Protein backbone atom coordinates (compact mmCIF):
# COMPACT_ATOMS: atom_id res chain seq x y z
CA UNK A 1 9.09 -0.74 24.72
CA UNK A 2 5.37 -1.03 24.17
CA UNK A 3 3.32 -3.78 22.63
CA UNK A 4 1.25 -2.55 19.72
CA UNK A 5 -1.12 -3.73 17.00
CA UNK A 6 -1.51 -2.97 13.31
CA UNK A 7 -5.30 -2.91 13.24
CA UNK A 8 -5.95 -4.03 9.63
CA UNK A 9 -6.68 -7.58 10.81
CA UNK A 10 -9.83 -6.21 12.47
CA UNK A 11 -10.87 -3.93 9.61
CA UNK A 12 -14.48 -5.16 9.91
CA UNK A 13 -14.70 -3.97 13.52
CA UNK A 14 -15.17 -0.49 14.93
CA UNK A 15 -12.31 1.23 16.72
CA UNK A 16 -14.11 0.79 20.05
CA UNK A 17 -14.35 -2.95 19.42
CA UNK A 18 -10.66 -3.11 18.49
CA UNK A 19 -9.70 -1.34 21.70
CA UNK A 20 -11.85 -3.71 23.76
CA UNK A 21 -10.03 -6.65 22.22
CA UNK A 22 -6.55 -5.12 22.45
CA UNK A 23 -6.36 -3.74 25.97
CA UNK A 24 -6.80 -7.04 27.86
CA UNK A 25 -3.86 -8.39 25.84
CA UNK A 26 -1.53 -5.71 27.16
CA UNK A 27 -1.53 -3.75 23.90
CA UNK A 28 -0.75 -0.09 24.49
CA UNK A 29 -0.38 1.28 20.96
CA UNK A 30 -2.28 1.07 17.69
CA UNK A 31 -1.08 1.52 14.12
CA UNK A 32 -3.71 2.51 11.56
CA UNK A 33 -3.85 2.00 7.81
CA UNK A 34 -4.05 5.22 5.83
CA UNK A 35 -4.79 4.52 2.21
CA UNK A 36 -2.73 3.38 -0.81
CA UNK A 37 -3.48 -0.33 -1.30
CA UNK A 38 -7.03 0.28 -0.14
CA UNK A 39 -7.00 -1.24 3.33
CA UNK A 40 -9.77 0.13 5.59
CA UNK A 41 -8.65 2.44 8.37
CA UNK A 42 -9.72 2.94 11.96
CA UNK A 43 -9.03 6.66 11.74
CA UNK A 44 -11.14 9.07 9.71
CA UNK A 45 -8.73 10.35 7.07
CA UNK A 46 -10.83 13.52 6.78
CA UNK A 47 -9.62 14.57 10.23
CA UNK A 48 -6.81 16.32 8.35
CA UNK A 49 -9.36 19.07 7.63
CA UNK A 50 -10.82 19.27 11.13
CA UNK A 51 -8.27 19.95 13.84
CA UNK A 52 -10.92 20.10 16.57
CA UNK A 53 -12.22 16.63 15.71
CA UNK A 54 -8.63 15.39 15.41
CA UNK A 55 -7.89 16.62 18.92
CA UNK A 56 -11.01 14.91 20.23
CA UNK A 57 -10.00 11.68 18.50
CA UNK A 58 -6.56 11.70 20.09
CA UNK A 59 -8.05 12.56 23.48
CA UNK A 60 -10.29 9.51 23.17
CA UNK A 61 -7.28 7.26 22.54
CA UNK A 62 -5.36 8.84 25.41
CA UNK A 63 -8.36 8.32 27.68
CA UNK A 64 -8.17 4.63 26.85
CA UNK A 65 -4.44 4.56 27.58
CA UNK A 66 -3.70 3.97 23.90
CA UNK A 67 -0.89 5.55 21.85
CA UNK A 68 -1.13 6.01 18.07
CA UNK A 69 2.23 4.64 16.99
CA UNK A 70 2.12 5.23 13.22
CA UNK A 71 0.02 5.67 10.12
CA UNK A 72 0.64 2.96 7.52
CA UNK A 73 0.27 4.10 3.92
CA UNK A 74 1.98 1.18 2.22
CA UNK A 75 1.80 1.44 -1.57
CA UNK A 76 3.91 1.82 -4.70
CA UNK A 77 4.57 5.51 -5.16
CA UNK A 78 6.96 4.71 -8.03
CA UNK A 79 4.59 2.47 -9.96
CA UNK A 80 5.11 2.96 -13.73
CA UNK A 81 1.33 3.09 -14.20
CA UNK A 82 0.81 6.79 -13.61
CA UNK A 83 -2.76 6.35 -12.41
CA UNK A 84 -1.68 3.94 -9.67
CA UNK A 85 1.37 6.00 -8.69
CA UNK A 86 -0.62 9.24 -8.47
CA UNK A 87 -3.27 7.61 -6.27
CA UNK A 88 -0.64 6.20 -3.92
CA UNK A 89 1.27 9.48 -3.80
CA UNK A 90 -1.91 11.38 -2.99
CA UNK A 91 -2.71 8.95 -0.18
CA UNK A 92 0.85 9.27 1.13
CA UNK A 93 0.71 13.06 1.11
CA UNK A 94 -2.60 13.02 2.94
CA UNK A 95 -1.23 10.57 5.51
CA UNK A 96 1.74 12.86 6.16
CA UNK A 97 -0.53 15.87 6.65
CA UNK A 98 -2.86 13.85 8.88
CA UNK A 99 0.09 12.64 10.97
CA UNK A 100 1.07 16.27 11.54
CA UNK A 101 -2.47 17.15 12.67
CA UNK A 102 -2.64 14.13 14.99
CA UNK A 103 0.84 14.68 16.38
CA UNK A 104 2.03 11.29 15.07
CA UNK A 105 5.71 11.20 14.24
CA UNK A 106 5.92 8.25 11.86
CA UNK A 107 4.29 7.37 8.53
CA UNK A 108 5.06 3.94 7.08
CA UNK A 109 5.38 3.14 3.38
CA UNK A 110 7.25 0.96 0.91
CA UNK A 111 10.02 2.47 -1.20
CA UNK A 112 8.17 1.72 -4.42
CA UNK A 113 9.50 0.07 -7.56
CA UNK A 114 9.63 1.63 -11.03
CA UNK A 115 9.34 -0.21 -14.33
CA UNK A 116 12.09 -0.66 -16.90
CA UNK A 117 11.38 2.57 -18.81
CA UNK A 118 9.13 5.62 -18.90
CA UNK A 119 6.66 3.64 -21.02
CA UNK A 120 6.51 0.56 -18.76
CA UNK A 121 3.19 -0.74 -17.43
CA UNK A 122 4.42 -2.89 -14.55
CA UNK A 123 7.14 -2.65 -11.88
CA UNK A 124 10.45 -4.39 -12.58
CA UNK A 125 12.17 -5.71 -9.45
CA UNK A 126 15.83 -6.44 -10.24
CA UNK A 127 17.27 -9.48 -8.45
CA UNK A 128 20.48 -10.16 -10.39
CA UNK A 129 23.46 -8.25 -11.78
CA UNK A 130 23.77 -10.37 -14.94
CA UNK A 131 23.03 -10.20 -17.81
CA UNK A 132 24.27 -6.59 -17.79
CA UNK A 133 20.84 -5.29 -18.84
CA UNK A 134 19.82 -5.59 -15.20
CA UNK A 135 22.77 -3.59 -13.91
CA UNK A 136 21.93 -0.81 -16.36
CA UNK A 137 18.25 -0.95 -15.43
CA UNK A 138 18.97 -0.78 -11.69
CA UNK A 139 21.22 2.24 -12.20
CA UNK A 140 18.49 3.97 -14.22
CA UNK A 141 15.83 3.21 -11.62
CA UNK A 142 17.82 4.64 -8.73
CA UNK A 143 19.24 7.69 -10.50
CA UNK A 144 16.19 8.69 -12.53
CA UNK A 145 13.29 7.58 -10.35
CA UNK A 146 14.06 6.49 -6.79
CA UNK A 147 16.40 9.17 -5.48
CA UNK A 148 14.72 12.18 -7.17
CA UNK A 149 11.29 11.15 -5.85
CA UNK A 150 12.42 10.51 -2.30
CA UNK A 151 14.52 13.67 -2.09
CA UNK A 152 11.36 15.71 -2.64
CA UNK A 153 9.09 13.54 -0.52
CA UNK A 154 11.40 13.44 2.48
CA UNK A 155 11.60 17.24 2.46
CA UNK A 156 7.79 17.38 2.29
CA UNK A 157 7.52 15.04 5.27
CA UNK A 158 10.11 16.97 7.27
CA UNK A 159 8.28 20.22 6.57
CA UNK A 160 5.26 18.63 8.27
CA UNK A 161 7.28 17.32 11.23
CA UNK A 162 6.98 13.72 10.10
CA UNK A 163 9.55 11.01 9.41
CA UNK A 164 9.09 8.17 6.91
CA UNK A 165 9.66 4.51 7.86
CA UNK A 166 10.10 2.24 4.84
CA UNK A 167 9.35 -1.44 5.18
CA UNK A 168 12.11 -3.51 3.58
CA UNK A 169 10.18 -5.79 1.27
CA UNK A 170 11.19 -7.76 -1.84
CA UNK A 171 9.38 -6.48 -4.89
CA UNK A 172 10.42 -2.91 -4.00
CA UNK A 173 13.81 -1.28 -4.49
CA UNK A 174 14.40 -1.11 -0.72
CA UNK A 175 14.27 -4.71 0.49
CA UNK A 176 17.27 -5.16 2.83
CA UNK A 177 19.55 -3.08 5.10
CA UNK A 178 21.97 -2.26 2.28
CA UNK A 179 19.29 -0.73 0.06
CA UNK A 180 17.64 1.06 2.99
CA UNK A 181 20.93 2.65 3.99
CA UNK A 182 21.72 3.48 0.35
CA UNK A 183 18.53 5.51 0.08
CA UNK A 184 19.00 7.07 3.53
CA UNK A 185 22.55 8.15 2.57
CA UNK A 186 21.17 9.70 -0.62
CA UNK A 187 18.19 11.61 0.80
CA UNK A 188 18.92 12.13 4.50
CA UNK A 189 18.15 10.81 8.00
CA UNK A 190 14.44 11.63 7.93
CA UNK A 191 13.94 8.31 6.16
CA UNK A 192 14.39 5.07 8.06
CA UNK A 193 13.02 1.58 8.55
CA UNK A 194 9.77 0.03 9.59
CA UNK A 195 11.62 -3.11 10.65
CA UNK A 196 9.68 -6.30 9.88
CA UNK A 197 11.76 -9.44 10.45
CA UNK A 198 9.30 -11.65 8.57
CA UNK A 199 10.50 -10.30 5.21
CA UNK A 200 14.14 -10.82 6.14
CA UNK A 201 14.00 -14.44 7.32
CA UNK A 202 13.23 -15.89 3.91
CA UNK A 203 15.91 -13.79 2.23
CA UNK A 204 18.50 -15.47 4.46
CA UNK A 205 19.05 -12.28 6.48
CA UNK A 206 19.61 -12.52 10.22
CA UNK A 207 17.26 -9.87 11.68
CA UNK A 208 19.47 -9.24 14.71
CA UNK A 209 22.51 -8.60 12.50
CA UNK A 210 20.32 -6.30 10.41
CA UNK A 211 19.21 -4.39 13.52
CA UNK A 212 22.83 -3.67 14.44
CA UNK A 213 23.54 -2.51 10.88
CA UNK A 214 20.60 -0.11 10.83
CA UNK A 215 20.86 1.23 14.39
CA UNK A 216 19.16 4.64 14.67
CA UNK A 217 17.62 4.19 11.22
CA UNK A 218 14.98 1.95 12.82
CA UNK A 219 11.88 4.11 13.40
CA UNK A 220 9.19 1.47 13.98
CA UNK A 221 9.01 -2.32 14.32
CA UNK A 222 6.51 -4.93 13.15
CA UNK A 223 6.21 -8.18 15.07
CA UNK A 224 5.56 -10.92 12.51
CA UNK A 225 7.16 -14.32 12.06
CA UNK A 226 8.04 -16.58 9.11
CA UNK A 227 8.28 -20.34 8.94
CA UNK A 228 10.66 -21.75 6.34
CA UNK A 229 9.86 -25.30 5.24
CA UNK A 230 13.26 -26.82 4.55
CA UNK A 231 12.22 -29.68 2.22
CA UNK A 232 10.53 -27.19 -0.12
CA UNK A 233 13.17 -24.49 0.17
CA UNK A 234 16.05 -26.94 -0.31
CA UNK A 235 14.40 -28.15 -3.47
CA UNK A 236 13.17 -24.86 -4.93
CA UNK A 237 14.86 -22.06 -2.98
CA UNK A 238 12.99 -19.30 -1.20
CA UNK A 239 11.98 -17.18 -4.20
CA UNK A 240 8.37 -18.33 -4.19
CA UNK A 241 5.49 -17.02 -6.30
CA UNK A 242 2.89 -19.58 -5.23
CA UNK A 243 -0.18 -18.15 -3.43
CA UNK A 244 0.21 -17.71 0.33
CA UNK A 245 -2.76 -20.03 0.78
CA UNK A 246 -0.82 -22.89 -0.84
CA UNK A 247 0.89 -23.61 2.46
CA UNK A 248 1.80 -27.21 1.69
CA UNK A 249 3.87 -26.43 -1.41
CA UNK A 250 5.37 -23.07 -0.48
CA UNK A 251 8.98 -22.74 0.73
CA UNK A 252 7.86 -20.38 3.48
CA UNK A 253 4.76 -18.76 4.94
CA UNK A 254 4.06 -15.96 7.40
CA UNK A 255 3.32 -17.14 10.93
CA UNK A 256 2.17 -15.73 14.22
CA UNK A 257 5.05 -14.61 16.44
CA UNK A 258 6.57 -17.69 18.06
CA UNK A 259 5.32 -20.14 15.44
CA UNK A 260 8.23 -19.60 13.06
CA UNK A 261 10.99 -18.91 15.58
CA UNK A 262 10.97 -19.58 19.29
CA UNK A 263 12.02 -17.70 22.43
CA UNK A 264 15.74 -17.97 21.64
CA UNK A 265 15.28 -15.77 18.59
CA UNK A 266 12.65 -13.35 19.91
CA UNK A 267 14.43 -12.65 23.20
CA UNK A 268 17.60 -11.85 21.23
CA UNK A 269 15.53 -9.74 18.82
CA UNK A 270 14.09 -7.61 21.63
CA UNK A 271 17.45 -7.37 23.40
CA UNK A 272 19.21 -6.29 20.20
CA UNK A 273 16.62 -3.56 19.67
CA UNK A 274 17.32 -2.46 23.22
CA UNK A 275 21.07 -2.44 22.57
CA UNK A 276 20.76 -0.04 19.62
CA UNK A 277 18.51 2.26 21.66
CA UNK A 278 15.09 1.44 20.24
CA UNK A 279 12.41 2.15 22.82
CA UNK A 280 9.34 2.30 20.61
CA UNK A 281 6.53 -0.07 19.71
CA UNK A 282 6.50 -3.74 18.66
CA UNK A 283 3.42 -3.62 16.44
CA UNK A 284 1.87 -7.05 15.90
CA UNK A 285 0.93 -7.69 12.27
CA UNK A 286 -1.18 -10.81 11.76
CA UNK A 287 -0.90 -12.52 8.36
CA UNK A 288 -0.93 -16.16 9.48
CA UNK A 289 -3.23 -18.23 7.27
CA UNK A 290 -3.22 -21.14 9.73
CA UNK A 291 -4.54 -19.35 12.82
CA UNK A 292 -7.67 -17.27 13.31
CA UNK A 293 -7.32 -13.51 13.70
CA UNK A 294 -8.20 -13.45 17.38
CA UNK A 295 -6.29 -16.62 18.15
CA UNK A 296 -3.18 -15.44 16.35
CA UNK A 297 -3.26 -12.04 18.02
CA UNK A 298 -3.73 -13.57 21.48
CA UNK A 299 -0.85 -16.02 20.92
CA UNK A 300 1.48 -13.26 19.68
CA UNK A 301 0.61 -10.90 22.53
CA UNK A 302 0.98 -13.60 25.18
CA UNK A 303 4.31 -14.68 23.71
CA UNK A 304 5.79 -11.16 23.44
CA UNK A 305 4.54 -9.99 26.83
CA UNK A 306 6.87 -12.55 28.41
CA UNK A 307 9.96 -10.87 26.97
CA UNK A 308 9.16 -7.27 26.13
CA UNK A 309 10.99 -4.66 28.18
CA UNK A 310 8.33 -2.13 29.12
CA UNK A 311 10.46 0.35 31.06
CA UNK A 312 13.71 2.08 30.28
CA UNK A 313 16.50 0.55 32.32
CA UNK A 314 18.29 2.70 34.84
CA UNK A 315 22.06 3.08 34.57
CA UNK A 316 23.70 0.07 36.16
CA UNK A 317 25.85 0.79 39.19
CA UNK A 318 29.21 -0.12 37.64
CA UNK A 319 28.76 2.07 34.54
């Protein structure tokens, strides 16, 4: 495995500055934003129209010993507001075409979430099967919106030699292993998971159990932690709409790797990825409101470098 970084935390810095910060921390791969929710990118998205410049860009990364692990185009391609959906779909299409030009295999997105009808203005994330209105709505969303869209988009990605890694995230129709596998069964194996344990912890999902359930459907991995504050969660549960900056009253917040769960979890996490055959990148994503960007990144990298398996293991003698 390789240690990587999702570079949005340093969006105010140049790529050269990001590399200078990343390399001393043992980071060997970078993941770049590529549109949708408007996050700045460290790759020129116009490279899709200039193959010579794209080749030079990749040569520069290779010269620095850096791999480009994925393009992240996280958005809501199923948003009921047509203007928003069209903008996110356009960004996604461009990211797929750019990935082909750059020779990058994986583009990351969310599954999206439709509204409750063709005239809806806002997404409607269903979290219960009763009253029966919600069961009917969920059926309509999947049959009329989710599966038809992703059938076409996965074919488009495959035609460009790219696979799509969906991040399981509440608020979107794919938020856990069951919904990820449901969509994968419906549209084919070119769709998989950008596995981020931080969104699973607070749902009560054991990430290591989830890894075993998904197996080869895991295309990319984010390294981000979550701290659950038991007094708040025992009182109010973990469905929490308070701002992330309201750390004192929230039931959970995102933390730097190691600050939500210790070595016992993260060593098992890495080993379980190894067991199912994942040999890709652990891409650090920093969203910890209690630690500075540089401090959080350094802590995460130092912590993971103790446990990450950086070489494929040879067959053991008794096998």
